[in-house]
Amino acid sequence: MGLEHVFVKAIADAPSDAYVFKPQRAATSKNTASNFLATSADSKNAVNTQRGRATWVTRLLSAGIDVRALMTAMGVTDFSAIARYLAHVPDIDASAYRRQVRGQRPAA
């Protein structure tokens, strides 16, 4: 089962510019997401935040998200933080990458 329901509940009434985890705070910390999930998920469904992040990043890269948007969402400024996930993204065939480079829509 995914974790989306936990996040949806957390942001249901939060302003669009608020932090999802503890909306009243003014800064981030390294373990904010891990701590949130540890207190929000039930004990029989242990959550591995590193695996969740890897899945999230890989899915977005596979879907063709703009890399700058992903880096912003990840909170990183160095592309090397994304590069390690590329090994898990399906290869793109020559015709598909040519369409993308030319700014053309995907073939139907």
N, C-alpha and C. Protein backbone atom coordinates (compact mmCIF):
# COMPACT_ATOMS: atom_id res chain seq x y z
N MET A 1 0.84 -1.19 0.00
CA MET A 1 0.00 0.00 0.00
C MET A 1 0.88 1.24 0.00
N GLY A 2 0.51 2.20 -0.81
CA GLY A 2 1.29 3.42 -0.91
C GLY A 2 1.11 4.32 0.30
N LEU A 3 1.87 5.38 0.33
CA LEU A 3 1.83 6.31 1.45
C LEU A 3 1.09 7.60 1.13
N GLU A 4 0.55 7.68 -0.07
CA GLU A 4 -0.08 8.92 -0.49
C GLU A 4 -1.15 9.38 0.50
N HIS A 5 -1.94 8.47 1.03
CA HIS A 5 -3.01 8.85 1.96
C HIS A 5 -2.48 9.56 3.20
N VAL A 6 -1.29 9.19 3.65
CA VAL A 6 -0.69 9.83 4.83
C VAL A 6 -0.38 11.29 4.51
N PHE A 7 0.18 11.53 3.33
CA PHE A 7 0.54 12.89 2.93
C PHE A 7 -0.71 13.73 2.64
N VAL A 8 -1.70 13.14 1.99
CA VAL A 8 -2.93 13.87 1.68
C VAL A 8 -3.58 14.36 2.98
N LYS A 9 -3.62 13.49 3.96
CA LYS A 9 -4.20 13.88 5.25
C LYS A 9 -3.40 15.00 5.90
N ALA A 10 -2.08 14.93 5.78
CA ALA A 10 -1.22 15.93 6.41
C ALA A 10 -1.38 17.32 5.81
N ILE A 11 -1.69 17.39 4.51
CA ILE A 11 -1.76 18.70 3.87
C ILE A 11 -3.18 19.17 3.59
N ALA A 12 -4.15 18.42 4.04
CA ALA A 12 -5.55 18.72 3.71
C ALA A 12 -5.93 20.18 3.95
N ASP A 13 -5.53 20.75 5.06
CA ASP A 13 -5.92 22.12 5.39
C ASP A 13 -4.75 23.09 5.41
N ALA A 14 -3.61 22.67 4.91
CA ALA A 14 -2.41 23.51 4.95
C ALA A 14 -2.39 24.49 3.78
N PRO A 15 -1.86 25.69 3.99
CA PRO A 15 -1.68 26.63 2.89
C PRO A 15 -0.70 26.06 1.87
N SER A 16 -0.76 26.51 0.63
CA SER A 16 0.07 25.94 -0.44
C SER A 16 1.56 26.15 -0.21
N ASP A 17 1.95 27.14 0.56
CA ASP A 17 3.37 27.38 0.79
C ASP A 17 3.87 26.84 2.13
N ALA A 18 3.04 26.08 2.83
CA ALA A 18 3.43 25.54 4.13
C ALA A 18 4.25 24.26 3.95
N TYR A 19 5.06 23.98 4.95
CA TYR A 19 5.76 22.70 4.98
C TYR A 19 4.73 21.61 5.26
N VAL A 20 4.89 20.46 4.62
CA VAL A 20 3.95 19.36 4.84
C VAL A 20 4.12 18.80 6.24
N PHE A 21 5.35 18.66 6.67
CA PHE A 21 5.63 18.08 7.98
C PHE A 21 5.77 19.23 8.98
N LYS A 22 4.89 19.27 9.93
CA LYS A 22 4.86 20.33 10.92
C LYS A 22 4.76 21.69 10.23
N PRO A 23 3.61 22.01 9.65
CA PRO A 23 3.44 23.25 8.86
C PRO A 23 3.85 24.54 9.57
N GLN A 24 3.86 24.56 10.89
CA GLN A 24 4.19 25.78 11.61
C GLN A 24 5.69 26.05 11.68
N ARG A 25 6.52 25.12 11.26
CA ARG A 25 7.97 25.32 11.39
C ARG A 25 8.50 26.25 10.30
N ALA A 26 9.71 26.74 10.50
CA ALA A 26 10.31 27.69 9.56
C ALA A 26 11.54 27.12 8.87
N ALA A 27 11.98 25.92 9.22
CA ALA A 27 13.18 25.34 8.62
C ALA A 27 13.03 23.83 8.48
N THR A 28 13.94 23.25 7.72
CA THR A 28 13.93 21.80 7.53
C THR A 28 15.02 21.15 8.36
N SER A 29 14.89 19.86 8.57
CA SER A 29 15.96 19.10 9.21
C SER A 29 16.12 17.79 8.44
N LYS A 30 17.23 17.15 8.61
CA LYS A 30 17.57 15.98 7.81
C LYS A 30 16.55 14.85 7.94
N ASN A 31 16.00 14.63 9.09
CA ASN A 31 15.12 13.48 9.33
C ASN A 31 13.64 13.83 9.42
N THR A 32 13.25 14.96 8.90
CA THR A 32 11.87 15.41 9.01
C THR A 32 10.89 14.39 8.44
N ALA A 33 11.12 13.94 7.22
CA ALA A 33 10.19 12.99 6.59
C ALA A 33 10.20 11.66 7.33
N SER A 34 11.36 11.17 7.69
CA SER A 34 11.46 9.90 8.42
C SER A 34 10.70 9.96 9.73
N ASN A 35 10.88 11.05 10.46
CA ASN A 35 10.19 11.20 11.74
C ASN A 35 8.68 11.28 11.54
N PHE A 36 8.24 12.00 10.52
CA PHE A 36 6.82 12.10 10.23
C PHE A 36 6.23 10.73 9.93
N LEU A 37 6.88 9.98 9.05
CA LEU A 37 6.37 8.66 8.68
C LEU A 37 6.40 7.69 9.86
N ALA A 38 7.40 7.80 10.68
CA ALA A 38 7.49 6.91 11.85
C ALA A 38 6.32 7.12 12.79
N THR A 39 5.82 8.34 12.88
CA THR A 39 4.70 8.61 13.77
C THR A 39 3.35 8.49 13.08
N SER A 40 3.33 8.48 11.73
CA SER A 40 2.07 8.44 11.00
C SER A 40 1.68 7.05 10.50
N ALA A 41 2.65 6.22 10.21
CA ALA A 41 2.37 4.88 9.68
C ALA A 41 2.18 3.91 10.84
N ASP A 42 1.38 2.87 10.61
CA ASP A 42 1.21 1.91 11.69
C ASP A 42 2.46 1.04 11.81
N SER A 43 2.68 0.47 12.98
CA SER A 43 3.93 -0.23 13.29
C SER A 43 4.15 -1.49 12.46
N LYS A 44 3.10 -2.12 11.96
CA LYS A 44 3.30 -3.35 11.19
C LYS A 44 3.71 -3.08 9.75
N ASN A 45 3.59 -1.83 9.30
CA ASN A 45 3.99 -1.45 7.95
C ASN A 45 5.18 -0.51 8.02
N ALA A 46 6.34 -1.07 8.31
CA ALA A 46 7.55 -0.27 8.42
C ALA A 46 7.81 0.47 7.11
N VAL A 47 8.21 1.71 7.22
CA VAL A 47 8.44 2.56 6.06
C VAL A 47 9.93 2.79 5.90
N ASN A 48 10.43 2.53 4.70
CA ASN A 48 11.82 2.81 4.38
C ASN A 48 11.83 4.07 3.52
N THR A 49 12.20 5.20 4.10
CA THR A 49 12.13 6.46 3.38
C THR A 49 13.11 6.52 2.22
N GLN A 50 14.25 5.87 2.34
CA GLN A 50 15.20 5.87 1.22
C GLN A 50 14.63 5.13 0.02
N ARG A 51 13.97 4.01 0.28
CA ARG A 51 13.35 3.26 -0.81
C ARG A 51 12.19 4.07 -1.41
N GLY A 52 11.41 4.71 -0.57
CA GLY A 52 10.31 5.54 -1.05
C GLY A 52 10.80 6.69 -1.92
N ARG A 53 11.86 7.34 -1.49
CA ARG A 53 12.42 8.44 -2.27
C ARG A 53 12.95 7.93 -3.61
N ALA A 54 13.64 6.80 -3.59
CA ALA A 54 14.18 6.23 -4.83
C ALA A 54 13.05 5.89 -5.81
N THR A 55 11.97 5.32 -5.30
CA THR A 55 10.83 4.98 -6.14
C THR A 55 10.20 6.24 -6.72
N TRP A 56 10.03 7.24 -5.90
CA TRP A 56 9.44 8.50 -6.32
C TRP A 56 10.28 9.16 -7.41
N VAL A 57 11.59 9.27 -7.19
CA VAL A 57 12.48 9.90 -8.16
C VAL A 57 12.50 9.12 -9.47
N THR A 58 12.61 7.80 -9.37
CA THR A 58 12.66 6.97 -10.58
C THR A 58 11.38 7.07 -11.39
N ARG A 59 10.24 7.08 -10.72
CA ARG A 59 8.96 7.21 -11.43
C ARG A 59 8.84 8.56 -12.14
N LEU A 60 9.26 9.62 -11.47
CA LEU A 60 9.18 10.94 -12.08
C LEU A 60 10.14 11.06 -13.27
N LEU A 61 11.35 10.52 -13.13
CA LEU A 61 12.30 10.54 -14.25
C LEU A 61 11.77 9.72 -15.41
N SER A 62 11.17 8.57 -15.12
CA SER A 62 10.61 7.72 -16.17
C SER A 62 9.46 8.40 -16.89
N ALA A 63 8.74 9.27 -16.18
CA ALA A 63 7.61 9.98 -16.76
C ALA A 63 8.06 11.21 -17.56
N GLY A 64 9.35 11.53 -17.49
CA GLY A 64 9.87 12.65 -18.28
C GLY A 64 9.76 14.01 -17.61
N ILE A 65 9.75 14.04 -16.28
CA ILE A 65 9.66 15.33 -15.58
C ILE A 65 10.87 16.20 -15.92
N ASP A 66 10.67 17.49 -15.90
CA ASP A 66 11.76 18.44 -16.08
C ASP A 66 12.74 18.25 -14.92
N VAL A 67 14.01 18.07 -15.23
CA VAL A 67 15.00 17.78 -14.20
C VAL A 67 15.11 18.91 -13.18
N ARG A 68 14.98 20.14 -13.63
CA ARG A 68 15.04 21.26 -12.68
C ARG A 68 13.88 21.21 -11.70
N ALA A 69 12.71 20.85 -12.19
CA ALA A 69 11.55 20.74 -11.29
C ALA A 69 11.79 19.64 -10.26
N LEU A 70 12.34 18.52 -10.71
CA LEU A 70 12.62 17.41 -9.79
C LEU A 70 13.67 17.81 -8.76
N MET A 71 14.72 18.49 -9.20
CA MET A 71 15.75 18.92 -8.26
C MET A 71 15.18 19.87 -7.21
N THR A 72 14.29 20.75 -7.63
CA THR A 72 13.65 21.66 -6.69
C THR A 72 12.81 20.88 -5.69
N ALA A 73 12.02 19.92 -6.20
CA ALA A 73 11.18 19.11 -5.31
C ALA A 73 12.02 18.28 -4.36
N MET A 74 13.17 17.82 -4.82
CA MET A 74 14.06 17.01 -3.98
C MET A 74 14.83 17.87 -2.98
N GLY A 75 14.93 19.17 -3.25
CA GLY A 75 15.71 20.04 -2.38
C GLY A 75 17.20 19.90 -2.62
N VAL A 76 17.59 19.60 -3.87
CA VAL A 76 19.01 19.47 -4.19
C VAL A 76 19.40 20.49 -5.25
N THR A 77 20.68 20.82 -5.30
CA THR A 77 21.18 21.77 -6.29
C THR A 77 22.23 21.14 -7.20
N ASP A 78 22.63 19.94 -6.91
CA ASP A 78 23.67 19.26 -7.69
C ASP A 78 23.06 18.08 -8.44
N PHE A 79 23.27 18.05 -9.75
CA PHE A 79 22.70 16.99 -10.57
C PHE A 79 23.16 15.60 -10.14
N SER A 80 24.31 15.48 -9.53
CA SER A 80 24.80 14.15 -9.13
C SER A 80 23.84 13.47 -8.16
N ALA A 81 23.00 14.26 -7.49
CA ALA A 81 22.01 13.67 -6.58
C ALA A 81 20.94 12.90 -7.36
N ILE A 82 20.77 13.22 -8.63
CA ILE A 82 19.79 12.54 -9.48
C ILE A 82 20.45 11.45 -10.33
N ALA A 83 21.67 11.67 -10.72
CA ALA A 83 22.34 10.78 -11.67
C ALA A 83 22.31 9.31 -11.24
N ARG A 84 22.43 9.04 -9.98
CA ARG A 84 22.46 7.64 -9.53
C ARG A 84 21.13 6.92 -9.75
N TYR A 85 20.04 7.66 -9.89
CA TYR A 85 18.73 7.05 -10.13
C TYR A 85 18.53 6.66 -11.60
N LEU A 86 19.30 7.27 -12.48
CA LEU A 86 19.12 7.04 -13.91
C LEU A 86 19.33 5.58 -14.31
N ALA A 87 20.13 4.85 -13.56
CA ALA A 87 20.35 3.43 -13.87
C ALA A 87 19.06 2.63 -13.75
N HIS A 88 18.07 3.17 -13.05
CA HIS A 88 16.81 2.47 -12.83
C HIS A 88 15.67 2.99 -13.71
N VAL A 89 16.00 3.93 -14.58
CA VAL A 89 15.02 4.51 -15.51
C VAL A 89 15.14 3.75 -16.83
N PRO A 90 14.02 3.31 -17.38
CA PRO A 90 14.07 2.57 -18.65
C PRO A 90 14.75 3.39 -19.74
N ASP A 91 15.50 2.69 -20.59
CA ASP A 91 16.14 3.36 -21.73
C ASP A 91 15.08 3.91 -22.66
N ILE A 92 15.43 4.97 -23.35
CA ILE A 92 14.52 5.57 -24.32
C ILE A 92 15.03 5.21 -25.71
N ASP A 93 14.12 4.84 -26.59
CA ASP A 93 14.57 4.46 -27.94
C ASP A 93 14.91 5.70 -28.76
N ALA A 94 15.63 5.48 -29.84
CA ALA A 94 16.14 6.59 -30.65
C ALA A 94 15.04 7.51 -31.16
N SER A 95 13.94 6.95 -31.64
CA SER A 95 12.88 7.81 -32.18
C SER A 95 12.24 8.64 -31.07
N ALA A 96 12.11 8.09 -29.88
CA ALA A 96 11.50 8.84 -28.77
C ALA A 96 12.40 9.99 -28.33
N TYR A 97 13.70 9.74 -28.20
CA TYR A 97 14.56 10.83 -27.76
C TYR A 97 14.67 11.91 -28.84
N ARG A 98 14.63 11.51 -30.10
CA ARG A 98 14.68 12.51 -31.18
C ARG A 98 13.43 13.40 -31.15
N ARG A 99 12.27 12.79 -30.91
CA ARG A 99 11.03 13.58 -30.79
C ARG A 99 11.15 14.58 -29.64
N GLN A 100 11.68 14.11 -28.51
CA GLN A 100 11.80 14.99 -27.35
C GLN A 100 12.76 16.14 -27.63
N VAL A 101 13.90 15.84 -28.23
CA VAL A 101 14.89 16.88 -28.51
C VAL A 101 14.33 17.90 -29.49
N ARG A 102 13.49 17.46 -30.40
CA ARG A 102 12.88 18.36 -31.39
C ARG A 102 11.66 19.07 -30.85
N GLY A 103 11.25 18.73 -29.61
CA GLY A 103 10.09 19.37 -29.02
C GLY A 103 8.78 18.88 -29.58
N GLN A 104 8.79 17.67 -30.14
CA GLN A 104 7.59 17.10 -30.73
C GLN A 104 6.84 16.26 -29.70
N ARG A 105 5.56 16.09 -29.94
CA ARG A 105 4.74 15.26 -29.05
C ARG A 105 5.05 13.78 -29.26
N PRO A 106 4.82 12.97 -28.22
CA PRO A 106 5.02 11.52 -28.36
C PRO A 106 4.13 10.94 -29.45
N ALA A 107 4.60 9.88 -30.07
CA ALA A 107 3.80 9.20 -31.10
C ALA A 107 2.57 8.59 -30.45
N ALA A 108 1.45 8.63 -31.15
CA ALA A 108 0.19 8.10 -30.60
C ALA A 108 0.13 6.61 -30.68
